[in-house]
PDB file of all heavy atoms in Angstrom:
ATOM      1  N   ILE A   1      12.204 214.257 133.323  1.00  0.00           N
ATOM      2  CA  ILE A   1      12.444 212.864 132.925  1.00  0.00           C
ATOM      3  C   ILE A   1      13.227 212.148 134.018  1.00  0.00           C
ATOM      4  O   ILE A   1      12.906 211.014 134.400  1.00  0.00           O
ATOM      5  CB  ILE A   1      13.211 212.803 131.587  1.00  0.00           C
ATOM      6  CG1 ILE A   1      12.363 213.370 130.448  1.00  0.00           C
ATOM      7  CG2 ILE A   1      13.604 211.351 131.264  1.00  0.00           C
ATOM      8  CD1 ILE A   1      13.113 213.502 129.130  1.00  0.00           C
ATOM      9  N   GLY A   2      14.266 212.819 134.543  1.00  0.00           N
ATOM     10  CA  GLY A   2      15.072 212.218 135.601  1.00  0.00           C
ATOM     11  C   GLY A   2      14.254 211.896 136.842  1.00  0.00           C
ATOM     12  O   GLY A   2      14.396 210.812 137.432  1.00  0.00           O
ATOM     13  N   LYS A   3      13.366 212.806 137.220  1.00  0.00           N
ATOM     14  CA  LYS A   3      12.517 212.570 138.399  1.00  0.00           C
ATOM     15  C   LYS A   3      11.565 211.402 138.152  1.00  0.00           C
ATOM     16  O   LYS A   3      11.306 210.600 139.063  1.00  0.00           O
ATOM     17  CB  LYS A   3      11.734 213.838 138.729  1.00  0.00           C
ATOM     18  CG  LYS A   3      12.593 214.959 139.298  1.00  0.00           C
ATOM     19  CD  LYS A   3      11.785 216.223 139.526  1.00  0.00           C
ATOM     20  CE  LYS A   3      12.666 217.350 140.046  1.00  0.00           C
ATOM     21  NZ  LYS A   3      11.898 218.614 140.209  1.00  0.00           N
ATOM     22  N   ALA A   4      11.046 211.322 136.915  1.00  0.00           N
ATOM     23  CA  ALA A   4      10.144 210.221 136.588  1.00  0.00           C
ATOM     24  C   ALA A   4      10.873 208.885 136.663  1.00  0.00           C
ATOM     25  O   ALA A   4      10.343 207.891 137.176  1.00  0.00           O
ATOM     26  CB  ALA A   4       9.545 210.423 135.193  1.00  0.00           C
ATOM     27  N   LEU A   5      12.114 208.860 136.166  1.00  0.00           N
ATOM     28  CA  LEU A   5      12.903 207.622 136.219  1.00  0.00           C
ATOM     29  C   LEU A   5      13.234 207.241 137.662  1.00  0.00           C
ATOM     30  O   LEU A   5      13.190 206.067 138.033  1.00  0.00           O
ATOM     31  CB  LEU A   5      14.197 207.789 135.415  1.00  0.00           C
ATOM     32  CG  LEU A   5      14.008 207.931 133.897  1.00  0.00           C
ATOM     33  CD1 LEU A   5      15.326 208.320 133.242  1.00  0.00           C
ATOM     34  CD2 LEU A   5      13.472 206.648 133.291  1.00  0.00           C
ATOM     35  N   HIS A   6      13.547 208.237 138.491  1.00  0.00           N
ATOM     36  CA  HIS A   6      13.818 207.957 139.901  1.00  0.00           C
ATOM     37  C   HIS A   6      12.582 207.398 140.582  1.00  0.00           C
ATOM     38  O   HIS A   6      12.672 206.512 141.443  1.00  0.00           O
ATOM     39  CB  HIS A   6      14.285 209.221 140.623  1.00  0.00           C
ATOM     40  CG  HIS A   6      15.729 209.540 140.420  1.00  0.00           C
ATOM     41  ND1 HIS A   6      16.749 208.660 140.747  1.00  0.00           N
ATOM     42  CD2 HIS A   6      16.339 210.650 139.911  1.00  0.00           C
ATOM     43  CE1 HIS A   6      17.910 209.209 140.452  1.00  0.00           C
ATOM     44  NE2 HIS A   6      17.691 210.409 139.940  1.00  0.00           N
ATOM     45  N   SER A   7      11.418 207.916 140.194  1.00  0.00           N
ATOM     46  CA  SER A   7      10.188 207.473 140.854  1.00  0.00           C
ATOM     47  C   SER A   7       9.899 206.005 140.560  1.00  0.00           C
ATOM     48  O   SER A   7       9.460 205.264 141.444  1.00  0.00           O
ATOM     49  CB  SER A   7       9.002 208.349 140.433  1.00  0.00           C
ATOM     50  OG  SER A   7       8.656 208.120 139.076  1.00  0.00           O
ATOM     51  N   ILE A   8      10.169 205.552 139.314  1.00  0.00           N
ATOM     52  CA  ILE A   8       9.901 204.137 139.042  1.00  0.00           C
ATOM     53  C   ILE A   8      10.952 203.255 139.704  1.00  0.00           C
ATOM     54  O   ILE A   8      10.656 202.145 140.137  1.00  0.00           O
ATOM     55  CB  ILE A   8       9.817 203.827 137.525  1.00  0.00           C
ATOM     56  CG1 ILE A   8      11.135 204.124 136.814  1.00  0.00           C
ATOM     57  CG2 ILE A   8       8.669 204.554 136.877  1.00  0.00           C
ATOM     58  CD1 ILE A   8      11.163 203.635 135.383  1.00  0.00           C
ATOM     59  N   ASN A   9      12.182 203.754 139.826  1.00  0.00           N
ATOM     60  CA  ASN A   9      13.206 202.989 140.516  1.00  0.00           C
ATOM     61  C   ASN A   9      12.901 202.886 142.018  1.00  0.00           C
ATOM     62  O   ASN A   9      13.302 201.939 142.681  1.00  0.00           O
ATOM     63  CB  ASN A   9      14.587 203.597 140.301  1.00  0.00           C
ATOM     64  CG  ASN A   9      15.082 203.400 138.860  1.00  0.00           C
ATOM     65  OD1 ASN A   9      14.658 202.471 138.189  1.00  0.00           O
ATOM     66  ND2 ASN A   9      15.959 204.273 138.411  1.00  0.00           N
ATOM     67  N   ASP A  10      12.179 203.897 142.529  1.00  0.00           N
ATOM     68  CA  ASP A  10      11.742 203.862 143.931  1.00  0.00           C
ATOM     69  C   ASP A  10      10.359 203.232 144.071  1.00  0.00           C
ATOM     70  O   ASP A  10       9.752 203.282 145.149  1.00  0.00           O
ATOM     71  CB  ASP A  10      11.714 205.284 144.507  1.00  0.00           C
ATOM     72  CG  ASP A  10      13.105 205.886 144.622  1.00  0.00           C
ATOM     73  OD1 ASP A  10      14.069 205.098 144.685  1.00  0.00           O
ATOM     74  OD2 ASP A  10      13.221 207.122 144.629  1.00  0.00           O
ATOM     75  N   LYS A  11       9.856 202.693 142.938  1.00  0.00           N
ATOM     76  CA  LYS A  11       8.563 202.005 142.901  1.00  0.00           C
ATOM     77  C   LYS A  11       7.409 202.933 143.286  1.00  0.00           C
ATOM     78  O   LYS A  11       6.490 202.563 143.995  1.00  0.00           O
ATOM     79  CB  LYS A  11       8.588 200.773 143.797  1.00  0.00           C
ATOM     80  CG  LYS A  11       9.645 199.757 143.355  1.00  0.00           C
ATOM     81  CD  LYS A  11       9.648 198.510 144.202  1.00  0.00           C
ATOM     82  CE  LYS A  11      10.724 197.535 143.701  1.00  0.00           C
ATOM     83  NZ  LYS A  11      10.808 196.307 144.507  1.00  0.00           N
ATOM     84  N   LYS A  12       7.498 204.184 142.764  1.00  0.00           N
ATOM     85  CA  LYS A  12       6.421 205.156 142.944  1.00  0.00           C
ATOM     86  C   LYS A  12       5.773 205.403 141.585  1.00  0.00           C
ATOM     87  O   LYS A  12       6.324 205.057 140.549  1.00  0.00           O
ATOM     88  CB  LYS A  12       6.970 206.465 143.525  1.00  0.00           C
ATOM     89  CG  LYS A  12       7.594 206.319 144.904  1.00  0.00           C
ATOM     90  CD  LYS A  12       8.167 207.644 145.369  1.00  0.00           C
ATOM     91  CE  LYS A  12       8.825 207.509 146.731  1.00  0.00           C
ATOM     92  NZ  LYS A  12       9.424 208.791 147.185  1.00  0.00           N
ATOM     93  N   SER A  13       4.613 206.045 141.583  1.00  0.00           N
ATOM     94  CA  SER A  13       3.914 206.326 140.329  1.00  0.00           C
ATOM     95  C   SER A  13       4.604 207.480 139.617  1.00  0.00           C
ATOM     96  O   SER A  13       4.696 208.589 140.167  1.00  0.00           O
ATOM     97  CB  SER A  13       2.448 206.681 140.603  1.00  0.00           C
ATOM     98  OG  SER A  13       1.787 205.593 141.196  1.00  0.00           O
ATOM     99  N   PRO A  14       5.103 207.252 138.398  1.00  0.00           N
ATOM    100  CA  PRO A  14       5.818 208.317 137.666  1.00  0.00           C
ATOM    101  C   PRO A  14       4.861 209.262 136.947  1.00  0.00           C
ATOM    102  O   PRO A  14       3.675 208.967 136.769  1.00  0.00           O
ATOM    103  CB  PRO A  14       6.639 207.523 136.648  1.00  0.00           C
ATOM    104  CG  PRO A  14       5.776 206.327 136.360  1.00  0.00           C
ATOM    105  CD  PRO A  14       5.094 205.985 137.660  1.00  0.00           C
ATOM    106  N   ALA A  15       5.397 210.409 136.550  1.00  0.00           N
ATOM    107  CA  ALA A  15       4.616 211.347 135.740  1.00  0.00           C
ATOM    108  C   ALA A  15       4.417 210.771 134.344  1.00  0.00           C
ATOM    109  O   ALA A  15       5.239 209.985 133.862  1.00  0.00           O
ATOM    110  CB  ALA A  15       5.344 212.688 135.669  1.00  0.00           C
ATOM    111  N   GLY A  16       3.332 211.171 133.684  1.00  0.00           N
ATOM    112  CA  GLY A  16       3.061 210.703 132.330  1.00  0.00           C
ATOM    113  C   GLY A  16       3.771 211.545 131.291  1.00  0.00           C
ATOM    114  O   GLY A  16       4.257 212.647 131.574  1.00  0.00           O
ATOM    115  N   ALA A  17       3.815 211.041 130.055  1.00  0.00           N
ATOM    116  CA  ALA A  17       4.527 211.726 128.978  1.00  0.00           C
ATOM    117  C   ALA A  17       3.958 213.109 128.704  1.00  0.00           C
ATOM    118  O   ALA A  17       4.701 214.060 128.453  1.00  0.00           O
ATOM    119  CB  ALA A  17       4.481 210.868 127.714  1.00  0.00           C
ATOM    120  N   GLU A  18       2.640 213.249 128.753  1.00  0.00           N
ATOM    121  CA  GLU A  18       2.030 214.543 128.457  1.00  0.00           C
ATOM    122  C   GLU A  18       2.473 215.601 129.461  1.00  0.00           C
ATOM    123  O   GLU A  18       2.653 216.768 129.122  1.00  0.00           O
ATOM    124  CB  GLU A  18       0.499 214.413 128.462  1.00  0.00           C
ATOM    125  CG  GLU A  18      -0.059 213.585 127.321  1.00  0.00           C
ATOM    126  CD  GLU A  18       0.126 214.254 125.965  1.00  0.00           C
ATOM    127  OE1 GLU A  18       0.413 215.470 125.934  1.00  0.00           O
ATOM    128  OE2 GLU A  18      -0.015 213.569 124.948  1.00  0.00           O
ATOM    129  N   GLN A  19       2.651 215.198 130.706  1.00  0.00           N
ATOM    130  CA  GLN A  19       3.107 216.129 131.730  1.00  0.00           C
ATOM    131  C   GLN A  19       4.587 216.467 131.537  1.00  0.00           C
ATOM    132  O   GLN A  19       4.980 217.632 131.599  1.00  0.00           O
ATOM    133  CB  GLN A  19       2.888 215.522 133.117  1.00  0.00           C
ATOM    134  CG  GLN A  19       3.372 216.416 134.256  1.00  0.00           C
ATOM    135  CD  GLN A  19       3.172 215.761 135.620  1.00  0.00           C
ATOM    136  OE1 GLN A  19       2.500 214.742 135.743  1.00  0.00           O
ATOM    137  NE2 GLN A  19       3.770 216.349 136.644  1.00  0.00           N
ATOM    138  N   VAL A  20       5.396 215.465 131.285  1.00  0.00           N
ATOM    139  CA  VAL A  20       6.840 215.663 131.163  1.00  0.00           C
ATOM    140  C   VAL A  20       7.189 216.500 129.928  1.00  0.00           C
ATOM    141  O   VAL A  20       8.051 217.384 129.977  1.00  0.00           O
ATOM    142  CB  VAL A  20       7.565 214.300 131.106  1.00  0.00           C
ATOM    143  CG1 VAL A  20       9.047 214.479 130.764  1.00  0.00           C
ATOM    144  CG2 VAL A  20       7.421 213.571 132.434  1.00  0.00           C
ATOM    145  N   PHE A  21       6.504 216.244 128.804  1.00  0.00           N
ATOM    146  CA  PHE A  21       6.822 216.941 127.555  1.00  0.00           C
ATOM    147  C   PHE A  21       5.809 218.036 127.231  1.00  0.00           C
ATOM    148  O   PHE A  21       5.637 218.409 126.069  1.00  0.00           O
ATOM    149  CB  PHE A  21       6.888 215.923 126.403  1.00  0.00           C
ATOM    150  CG  PHE A  21       7.999 214.931 126.545  1.00  0.00           C
ATOM    151  CD1 PHE A  21       7.775 213.685 127.101  1.00  0.00           C
ATOM    152  CD2 PHE A  21       9.290 215.252 126.156  1.00  0.00           C
ATOM    153  CE1 PHE A  21       8.802 212.758 127.249  1.00  0.00           C
ATOM    154  CE2 PHE A  21      10.325 214.342 126.294  1.00  0.00           C
ATOM    155  CZ  PHE A  21      10.082 213.095 126.850  1.00  0.00           C
ATOM    156  N   GLY A  22       5.178 218.553 128.265  1.00  0.00           N
ATOM    157  CA  GLY A  22       4.139 219.560 128.062  1.00  0.00           C
ATOM    158  C   GLY A  22       4.604 220.810 127.336  1.00  0.00           C
ATOM    159  O   GLY A  22       3.842 221.434 126.594  1.00  0.00           O
ATOM    160  N   ARG A  23       5.871 221.194 127.508  1.00  0.00           N
ATOM    161  CA  ARG A  23       6.385 222.406 126.854  1.00  0.00           C
ATOM    162  C   ARG A  23       6.368 222.292 125.329  1.00  0.00           C
ATOM    163  O   ARG A  23       6.386 223.302 124.625  1.00  0.00           O
ATOM    164  CB  ARG A  23       7.820 222.691 127.313  1.00  0.00           C
ATOM    165  CG  ARG A  23       7.928 223.269 128.714  1.00  0.00           C
ATOM    166  CD  ARG A  23       9.377 223.524 129.072  1.00  0.00           C
ATOM    167  NE  ARG A  23       9.502 224.223 130.334  1.00  0.00           N
ATOM    168  CZ  ARG A  23       9.572 225.557 130.443  1.00  0.00           C
ATOM    169  NH1 ARG A  23       9.516 226.302 129.363  1.00  0.00           N
ATOM    170  NH2 ARG A  23       9.697 226.123 131.623  1.00  0.00           N
ATOM    171  N   TYR A  24       6.368 221.069 124.820  1.00  0.00           N
ATOM    172  CA  TYR A  24       6.456 220.876 123.376  1.00  0.00           C
ATOM    173  C   TYR A  24       5.092 220.875 122.679  1.00  0.00           C
ATOM    174  O   TYR A  24       5.011 221.135 121.480  1.00  0.00           O
ATOM    175  CB  TYR A  24       7.157 219.540 123.068  1.00  0.00           C
ATOM    176  CG  TYR A  24       8.614 219.523 123.412  1.00  0.00           C
ATOM    177  CD1 TYR A  24       9.049 219.138 124.680  1.00  0.00           C
ATOM    178  CD2 TYR A  24       9.585 219.894 122.484  1.00  0.00           C
ATOM    179  CE1 TYR A  24      10.399 219.116 125.012  1.00  0.00           C
ATOM    180  CE2 TYR A  24      10.933 219.879 122.797  1.00  0.00           C
ATOM    181  CZ  TYR A  24      11.330 219.492 124.067  1.00  0.00           C
ATOM    182  OH  TYR A  24      12.664 219.478 124.382  1.00  0.00           O
ATOM    183  N   SER A  25       4.043 220.562 123.412  1.00  0.00           N
ATOM    184  CA  SER A  25       2.742 220.278 122.798  1.00  0.00           C
ATOM    185  C   SER A  25       2.253 221.395 121.881  1.00  0.00           C
ATOM    186  O   SER A  25       1.935 221.164 120.709  1.00  0.00           O
ATOM    187  CB  SER A  25       1.699 219.996 123.888  1.00  0.00           C
ATOM    188  OG  SER A  25       2.081 218.891 124.662  1.00  0.00           O
ATOM    189  N   ASP A  26       2.198 222.616 122.403  1.00  0.00           N
ATOM    190  CA  ASP A  26       1.665 223.726 121.618  1.00  0.00           C
ATOM    191  C   ASP A  26       2.568 224.066 120.443  1.00  0.00           C
ATOM    192  O   ASP A  26       2.090 224.342 119.334  1.00  0.00           O
ATOM    193  CB  ASP A  26       1.481 224.961 122.503  1.00  0.00           C
ATOM    194  CG  ASP A  26       0.845 226.121 121.745  1.00  0.00           C
ATOM    195  OD1 ASP A  26      -0.283 225.935 121.231  1.00  0.00           O
ATOM    196  OD2 ASP A  26       1.475 227.197 121.648  1.00  0.00           O
ATOM    197  N   LEU A  27       3.884 224.027 120.648  1.00  0.00           N
ATOM    198  CA  LEU A  27       4.814 224.358 119.568  1.00  0.00           C
ATOM    199  C   LEU A  27       4.706 223.349 118.425  1.00  0.00           C
ATOM    200  O   LEU A  27       4.646 223.736 117.248  1.00  0.00           O
ATOM    201  CB  LEU A  27       6.245 224.390 120.098  1.00  0.00           C
ATOM    202  CG  LEU A  27       6.596 225.549 121.037  1.00  0.00           C
ATOM    203  CD1 LEU A  27       7.975 225.334 121.650  1.00  0.00           C
ATOM    204  CD2 LEU A  27       6.555 226.879 120.289  1.00  0.00           C
ATOM    205  N   VAL A  28       4.664 222.069 118.759  1.00  0.00           N
ATOM    206  CA  VAL A  28       4.549 221.035 117.731  1.00  0.00           C
ATOM    207  C   VAL A  28       3.236 221.189 116.977  1.00  0.00           C
ATOM    208  O   VAL A  28       3.188 221.086 115.741  1.00  0.00           O
ATOM    209  CB  VAL A  28       4.652 219.626 118.364  1.00  0.00           C
ATOM    210  CG1 VAL A  28       4.290 218.551 117.347  1.00  0.00           C
ATOM    211  CG2 VAL A  28       6.056 219.400 118.909  1.00  0.00           C
ATOM    212  N   ARG A  29       2.168 221.463 117.697  1.00  0.00           N
ATOM    213  CA  ARG A  29       0.853 221.632 117.058  1.00  0.00           C
ATOM    214  C   ARG A  29       0.855 222.832 116.113  1.00  0.00           C
ATOM    215  O   ARG A  29       0.347 222.755 114.986  1.00  0.00           O
ATOM    216  CB  ARG A  29      -0.225 221.813 118.122  1.00  0.00           C
ATOM    217  CG  ARG A  29      -1.644 222.020 117.570  1.00  0.00           C
ATOM    218  CD  ARG A  29      -2.630 222.277 118.680  1.00  0.00           C
ATOM    219  NE  ARG A  29      -2.296 223.445 119.464  1.00  0.00           N
ATOM    220  CZ  ARG A  29      -2.553 224.702 119.068  1.00  0.00           C
ATOM    221  NH1 ARG A  29      -3.152 224.922 117.893  1.00  0.00           N
ATOM    222  NH2 ARG A  29      -2.223 225.724 119.831  1.00  0.00           N
ATOM    223  N   ARG A  30       1.453 223.934 116.536  1.00  0.00           N
ATOM    224  CA  ARG A  30       1.439 225.143 115.712  1.00  0.00           C
ATOM    225  C   ARG A  30       2.375 225.039 114.505  1.00  0.00           C
ATOM    226  O   ARG A  30       2.098 225.624 113.461  1.00  0.00           O
ATOM    227  CB  ARG A  30       1.803 226.351 116.576  1.00  0.00           C
ATOM    228  CG  ARG A  30       0.752 226.643 117.647  1.00  0.00           C
ATOM    229  CD  ARG A  30       1.072 227.874 118.446  1.00  0.00           C
ATOM    230  NE  ARG A  30       0.999 229.072 117.627  1.00  0.00           N
ATOM    231  CZ  ARG A  30       1.238 230.310 118.080  1.00  0.00           C
ATOM    232  NH1 ARG A  30       1.596 230.478 119.342  1.00  0.00           N
ATOM    233  NH2 ARG A  30       1.161 231.353 117.279  1.00  0.00           N
ATOM    234  N   ILE A  31       3.456 224.307 114.643  1.00  0.00           N
ATOM    235  CA  ILE A  31       4.332 224.092 113.481  1.00  0.00           C
ATOM    236  C   ILE A  31       3.601 223.263 112.437  1.00  0.00           C
ATOM    237  O   ILE A  31       3.689 223.520 111.235  1.00  0.00           O
ATOM    238  CB  ILE A  31       5.645 223.407 113.915  1.00  0.00           C
ATOM    239  CG1 ILE A  31       6.468 224.379 114.768  1.00  0.00           C
ATOM    240  CG2 ILE A  31       6.454 222.959 112.690  1.00  0.00           C
ATOM    241  CD1 ILE A  31       7.683 223.747 115.410  1.00  0.00           C
ATOM    242  N   GLY A  32       2.868 222.254 112.887  1.00  0.00           N
ATOM    243  CA  GLY A  32       1.978 221.500 111.994  1.00  0.00           C
ATOM    244  C   GLY A  32       2.685 220.640 110.965  1.00  0.00           C
ATOM    245  O   GLY A  32       2.117 220.364 109.906  1.00  0.00           O
ATOM    246  N   ASP A  33       3.885 220.196 111.262  1.00  0.00           N
ATOM    247  CA  ASP A  33       4.620 219.344 110.333  1.00  0.00           C
ATOM    248  C   ASP A  33       4.290 217.879 110.618  1.00  0.00           C
ATOM    249  O   ASP A  33       4.390 217.415 111.752  1.00  0.00           O
ATOM    250  CB  ASP A  33       6.130 219.588 110.482  1.00  0.00           C
ATOM    251  CG  ASP A  33       6.958 218.731 109.544  1.00  0.00           C
ATOM    252  OD1 ASP A  33       7.133 219.141 108.386  1.00  0.00           O
ATOM    253  OD2 ASP A  33       7.413 217.666 109.989  1.00  0.00           O
ATOM    254  N   ARG A  34       3.925 217.153 109.572  1.00  0.00           N
ATOM    255  CA  ARG A  34       3.491 215.768 109.761  1.00  0.00           C
ATOM    256  C   ARG A  34       4.598 214.883 110.326  1.00  0.00           C
ATOM    257  O   ARG A  34       4.371 214.086 111.240  1.00  0.00           O
ATOM    258  CB  ARG A  34       3.016 215.206 108.408  1.00  0.00           C
ATOM    259  CG  ARG A  34       2.471 213.808 108.482  1.00  0.00           C
ATOM    260  CD  ARG A  34       2.078 213.312 107.105  1.00  0.00           C
ATOM    261  NE  ARG A  34       0.766 212.728 107.112  1.00  0.00           N
ATOM    262  CZ  ARG A  34       0.175 212.256 106.031  1.00  0.00           C
ATOM    263  NH1 ARG A  34       0.782 212.340 104.863  1.00  0.00           N
ATOM    264  NH2 ARG A  34      -1.014 211.730 106.092  1.00  0.00           N
TER     265      ARG A  34
END
């Protein structure tokens, strides 16, 4: 997240949310809580 914020402050293309929060995707899907 910090690197993404630095990139926009330096006017560079930041990483997307799916890339930044990738560690959560499978866990959230498998827990399956609405």
